[in-house]
């Protein structure tokens, strides 16, 4: 199969199956919200599936796109196309087990159009000024197993970011009082979710545990967070989901909250129409 235009990046579980009525928790995991992979791309995608037997299926996705950046939906500022791919295997012998792996490589460029006089002195000429540019390599793995009402799923995602030295543009940090340029960084995170869907009003109690480590561009410090969520997902009908969740997050001692845990009680009503 072939498609062209703007599409969701085919990686992992959460980014593709991302609608509020279908996902279990109230919010996306940190590794999805941080967009260690781009959420969407504009370009072309080739995908397919092979049913090797009654129990085994294999699938693939290959993409070529504008990559990421402030104008990637309609323009490639650096002329460097991003390439990505995904491969997965599904086993239907004991419930349904799906295992996948994904990769993405591209360049993220931010640029502005600077007006100036043309050579004839009568017109205005716009010159593209690149503010920042860096190469990104993202890798991910995912697993999802359903057996009756039981759901077990998890994802691990990494992102390596390397700036081009000529486009490593920094800024004055008002809090630290000094000039800071962004560092090359390695970000990674993981989450695991387990829940059980009962037939009575479609109730599913669930537990979500996650971790994220990333470099803060503004302060050049590492942000590390570990959090766990316990919640209840109620689906009385397919189009309506009610969610109630308690979250507790733990930060390092030198973080802005002083290492104190953050606690949050949140609810959501998701209705598909």
Protein backbone atom coordinates (compact mmCIF):
# COMPACT_ATOMS: atom_id res chain seq x y z
CA UNK A 1 0.00 0.00 0.00
CA UNK A 2 1.17 3.52 -0.78
CA UNK A 3 0.05 6.83 0.73
CA UNK A 4 1.16 10.43 0.40
CA UNK A 5 0.45 13.60 2.36
CA UNK A 6 0.49 14.13 6.11
CA UNK A 7 0.27 11.03 8.28
CA UNK A 8 0.89 9.89 11.84
CA UNK A 9 4.42 8.57 12.24
CA UNK A 10 4.05 4.79 12.38
CA UNK A 11 5.92 3.97 15.57
CA UNK A 12 5.00 2.22 18.79
CA UNK A 13 1.49 1.84 20.15
CA UNK A 14 0.36 5.14 21.63
CA UNK A 15 1.11 7.47 18.73
CA UNK A 16 -0.99 5.50 16.25
CA UNK A 17 -3.81 4.48 18.60
CA UNK A 18 -3.95 7.97 20.09
CA UNK A 19 -7.64 8.96 20.32
CA UNK A 20 -8.86 9.77 23.83
CA UNK A 21 -11.71 7.20 23.75
CA UNK A 22 -9.37 4.36 22.78
CA UNK A 23 -6.39 4.96 25.05
CA UNK A 24 -6.52 3.86 28.68
CA UNK A 25 -4.92 6.62 30.75
CA UNK A 26 -5.88 10.28 30.98
CA UNK A 27 -2.64 11.64 29.50
CA UNK A 28 -0.01 10.41 27.10
CA UNK A 29 3.18 8.94 28.58
CA UNK A 30 6.15 11.30 28.87
CA UNK A 31 8.02 9.66 25.98
CA UNK A 32 5.06 10.36 23.68
CA UNK A 33 4.46 13.92 24.89
CA UNK A 34 8.17 14.78 24.48
CA UNK A 35 7.91 13.70 20.82
CA UNK A 36 11.17 11.77 20.77
CA UNK A 37 9.72 10.64 17.45
CA UNK A 38 7.81 13.27 15.43
CA UNK A 39 4.07 12.86 15.93
CA UNK A 40 3.30 13.53 12.25
CA UNK A 41 5.20 13.70 9.00
CA UNK A 42 4.50 15.02 5.50
CA UNK A 43 5.76 12.85 2.69
CA UNK A 44 5.20 9.34 1.37
CA UNK A 45 4.69 6.02 3.15
CA UNK A 46 4.85 2.44 1.91
CA UNK A 47 3.27 -0.19 4.16
CA UNK A 48 2.25 -3.81 3.94
CA UNK A 49 1.37 -6.98 5.82
CA UNK A 50 2.17 -10.66 5.31
CA UNK A 51 0.08 -13.41 6.91
CA UNK A 52 2.62 -16.21 7.22
CA UNK A 53 0.13 -18.61 8.85
CA UNK A 54 -3.11 -18.60 10.79
CA UNK A 55 -1.22 -17.44 13.88
CA UNK A 56 1.72 -15.39 12.60
CA UNK A 57 1.61 -12.05 10.78
CA UNK A 58 4.35 -9.60 9.84
CA UNK A 59 4.12 -5.98 8.79
CA UNK A 60 6.29 -3.06 7.76
CA UNK A 61 6.23 0.72 7.19
CA UNK A 62 8.77 2.76 5.23
CA UNK A 63 8.55 6.57 5.09
CA UNK A 64 10.29 9.46 3.35
CA UNK A 65 9.28 12.93 4.58
CA UNK A 66 10.17 16.58 5.16
CA UNK A 67 11.21 15.58 8.67
CA UNK A 68 10.52 17.97 11.52
CA UNK A 69 10.67 21.72 11.92
CA UNK A 70 8.33 24.73 12.10
CA UNK A 71 7.25 24.44 8.44
CA UNK A 72 7.60 20.69 7.84
CA UNK A 73 3.87 20.30 7.08
CA UNK A 74 4.35 22.09 3.76
CA UNK A 75 8.08 22.81 3.27
CA UNK A 76 11.51 21.24 3.73
CA UNK A 77 13.71 24.08 5.00
CA UNK A 78 17.02 22.22 4.75
CA UNK A 79 16.38 20.02 1.71
CA UNK A 80 17.33 16.90 3.69
CA UNK A 81 14.61 14.27 3.68
CA UNK A 82 13.95 12.20 6.77
CA UNK A 83 13.73 8.41 6.55
CA UNK A 84 11.92 6.13 8.96
CA UNK A 85 10.69 2.59 9.24
CA UNK A 86 8.81 0.14 11.40
CA UNK A 87 8.55 -3.64 11.49
CA UNK A 88 6.19 -5.72 13.62
CA UNK A 89 5.22 -9.32 14.34
CA UNK A 90 1.85 -10.52 15.62
CA UNK A 91 1.08 -13.88 17.21
CA UNK A 92 -2.53 -14.95 17.70
CA UNK A 93 -2.01 -18.26 19.48
CA UNK A 94 -2.42 -17.20 23.12
CA UNK A 95 -4.51 -14.08 23.05
CA UNK A 96 -2.88 -11.52 20.75
CA UNK A 97 0.77 -10.59 21.10
CA UNK A 98 2.32 -7.83 18.98
CA UNK A 99 6.01 -6.85 19.09
CA UNK A 100 7.45 -3.98 17.06
CA UNK A 101 10.55 -1.89 16.47
CA UNK A 102 10.85 1.56 14.88
CA UNK A 103 13.55 3.96 13.69
CA UNK A 104 13.70 7.56 12.44
CA UNK A 105 16.57 9.69 11.10
CA UNK A 106 16.28 13.27 9.91
CA UNK A 107 17.37 16.88 10.30
CA UNK A 108 15.39 19.51 12.17
CA UNK A 109 15.95 23.04 10.88
CA UNK A 110 14.41 26.29 12.10
CA UNK A 111 14.80 29.29 9.75
CA UNK A 112 13.36 32.75 9.15
CA UNK A 113 13.02 34.86 6.01
CA UNK A 114 15.05 38.08 6.34
CA UNK A 115 14.02 40.90 3.91
CA UNK A 116 16.65 42.97 2.13
CA UNK A 117 17.16 45.02 -1.05
CA UNK A 118 17.51 43.13 -4.31
CA UNK A 119 20.44 43.73 -6.67
CA UNK A 120 18.39 46.11 -8.82
CA UNK A 121 17.64 48.32 -5.83
CA UNK A 122 13.96 48.35 -6.72
CA UNK A 123 12.66 45.17 -5.14
CA UNK A 124 12.86 43.30 -1.87
CA UNK A 125 14.74 40.03 -1.70
CA UNK A 126 14.15 37.50 1.08
CA UNK A 127 17.12 35.54 2.37
CA UNK A 128 16.67 32.44 4.47
CA UNK A 129 18.45 32.69 7.83
CA UNK A 130 18.92 29.36 9.64
CA UNK A 131 18.52 29.75 13.39
CA UNK A 132 19.28 26.18 14.46
CA UNK A 133 19.82 22.82 12.82
CA UNK A 134 20.51 19.37 14.24
CA UNK A 135 20.38 15.72 13.22
CA UNK A 136 18.03 13.36 15.06
CA UNK A 137 18.20 9.58 15.41
CA UNK A 138 15.26 7.97 17.22
CA UNK A 139 14.87 4.28 18.04
CA UNK A 140 11.98 2.50 19.74
CA UNK A 141 10.59 -0.88 20.71
CA UNK A 142 7.08 -1.84 21.80
CA UNK A 143 5.05 -4.80 23.05
CA UNK A 144 1.30 -5.28 23.46
CA UNK A 145 -0.47 -8.41 24.73
CA UNK A 146 -4.20 -8.89 25.16
CA UNK A 147 -5.81 -12.02 26.57
CA UNK A 148 -9.51 -11.81 27.28
CA UNK A 149 -9.94 -8.68 29.37
CA UNK A 150 -6.23 -8.47 30.24
CA UNK A 151 -4.07 -5.77 28.62
CA UNK A 152 -0.30 -5.50 29.00
CA UNK A 153 1.67 -2.99 26.95
CA UNK A 154 4.93 -1.07 27.08
CA UNK A 155 7.26 1.05 24.99
CA UNK A 156 10.87 2.21 25.19
CA UNK A 157 12.04 5.19 23.09
CA UNK A 158 15.43 6.87 22.66
CA UNK A 159 16.45 10.01 20.80
CA UNK A 160 19.97 11.21 19.96
CA UNK A 161 20.28 14.86 18.93
CA UNK A 162 23.47 16.31 17.41
CA UNK A 163 23.69 19.99 16.45
CA UNK A 164 25.55 21.31 13.43
CA UNK A 165 28.32 23.48 14.90
CA UNK A 166 27.56 26.36 12.53
CA UNK A 167 23.91 26.37 13.62
CA UNK A 168 24.23 25.78 17.38
CA UNK A 169 22.48 29.03 18.31
CA UNK A 170 22.17 29.86 22.00
CA UNK A 171 20.61 32.64 24.06
CA UNK A 172 21.05 34.52 27.31
CA UNK A 173 19.37 32.68 30.18
CA UNK A 174 17.81 35.35 32.46
CA UNK A 175 17.72 33.02 35.47
CA UNK A 176 21.38 31.96 35.30
CA UNK A 177 22.65 35.27 33.88
CA UNK A 178 24.85 33.66 31.25
CA UNK A 179 24.82 32.67 27.60
CA UNK A 180 23.89 29.06 26.96
CA UNK A 181 24.09 27.15 23.71
CA UNK A 182 22.11 23.92 23.32
CA UNK A 183 24.02 20.70 23.92
CA UNK A 184 23.93 17.48 21.96
CA UNK A 185 21.79 15.16 23.99
CA UNK A 186 20.50 11.66 24.49
CA UNK A 187 16.93 11.35 25.76
CA UNK A 188 15.26 8.09 26.61
CA UNK A 189 12.20 6.83 28.43
CA UNK A 190 10.02 3.83 29.05
CA UNK A 191 6.52 3.04 30.28
CA UNK A 192 4.57 -0.06 31.17
CA UNK A 193 0.79 -0.40 31.55
CA UNK A 194 -1.33 -3.26 32.85
CA UNK A 195 -5.12 -3.31 33.15
CA UNK A 196 -8.10 -5.64 33.11
CA UNK A 197 -11.40 -4.89 31.36
CA UNK A 198 -14.46 -6.29 33.15
CA UNK A 199 -17.75 -6.82 31.35
CA UNK A 200 -19.66 -4.83 34.01
CA UNK A 201 -19.98 -1.34 32.46
CA UNK A 202 -16.66 -1.92 30.70
CA UNK A 203 -14.69 -1.09 33.85
CA UNK A 204 -10.89 -1.36 33.69
CA UNK A 205 -8.65 -0.66 36.70
CA UNK A 206 -5.09 -0.03 35.52
CA UNK A 207 -1.56 0.76 36.65
CA UNK A 208 0.90 2.80 34.58
CA UNK A 209 4.59 3.22 35.53
CA UNK A 210 6.94 5.41 33.50
CA UNK A 211 10.35 7.07 33.48
CA UNK A 212 11.99 9.80 31.40
CA UNK A 213 15.52 11.22 31.23
CA UNK A 214 16.23 14.17 28.95
CA UNK A 215 18.54 17.17 28.69
CA UNK A 216 16.97 20.59 29.22
CA UNK A 217 18.10 22.85 26.38
CA UNK A 218 17.66 26.04 28.40
CA UNK A 219 19.74 25.07 31.45
CA UNK A 220 21.90 22.25 30.02
CA UNK A 221 20.84 20.15 33.01
CA UNK A 222 19.36 16.67 33.06
CA UNK A 223 15.68 16.20 33.80
CA UNK A 224 14.85 12.86 35.33
CA UNK A 225 11.36 11.85 36.41
CA UNK A 226 9.76 8.62 37.57
CA UNK A 227 5.99 8.46 37.94
CA UNK A 228 3.24 5.96 38.60
CA UNK A 229 -0.45 6.25 37.85
CA UNK A 230 -3.34 4.21 39.19
CA UNK A 231 -6.73 4.73 37.64
CA UNK A 232 -10.12 3.50 36.55
CA UNK A 233 -11.28 3.51 32.93
CA UNK A 234 -15.03 3.00 32.44
CA UNK A 235 -16.50 2.37 28.98
CA UNK A 236 -20.30 1.95 29.28
CA UNK A 237 -20.61 2.21 25.48
CA UNK A 238 -17.95 2.14 22.77
CA UNK A 239 -18.20 5.88 22.08
CA UNK A 240 -18.01 7.06 25.71
CA UNK A 241 -15.17 6.63 28.21
CA UNK A 242 -14.92 7.98 31.76
CA UNK A 243 -11.50 8.13 33.42
CA UNK A 244 -10.33 8.83 36.97
CA UNK A 245 -6.62 8.71 37.79
CA UNK A 246 -4.16 9.43 40.59
CA UNK A 247 -0.59 10.35 39.58
CA UNK A 248 2.55 10.65 41.68
CA UNK A 249 5.80 11.86 40.11
CA UNK A 250 9.29 11.94 41.65
CA UNK A 251 12.01 14.40 40.57
CA UNK A 252 15.75 14.69 41.42
CA UNK A 253 16.79 16.66 44.49
CA UNK A 254 18.22 19.56 42.46
CA UNK A 255 15.07 20.01 40.37
CA UNK A 256 12.94 23.17 40.68
CA UNK A 257 10.49 21.47 43.08
CA UNK A 258 13.33 20.44 45.36
CA UNK A 259 12.94 16.72 44.93
CA UNK A 260 9.45 16.71 46.41
CA UNK A 261 6.93 14.37 44.76
CA UNK A 262 4.19 15.88 42.63
CA UNK A 263 0.72 14.47 43.21
CA UNK A 264 -2.24 14.94 40.92
CA UNK A 265 -5.81 13.69 40.78
CA UNK A 266 -7.32 14.04 37.32
CA UNK A 267 -10.43 12.98 35.43
CA UNK A 268 -11.52 12.91 31.82
CA UNK A 269 -14.66 12.33 29.79
CA UNK A 270 -13.91 11.18 26.24
CA UNK A 271 -16.76 11.02 23.75
CA UNK A 272 -16.37 10.04 20.10
CA UNK A 273 -19.00 11.42 17.75
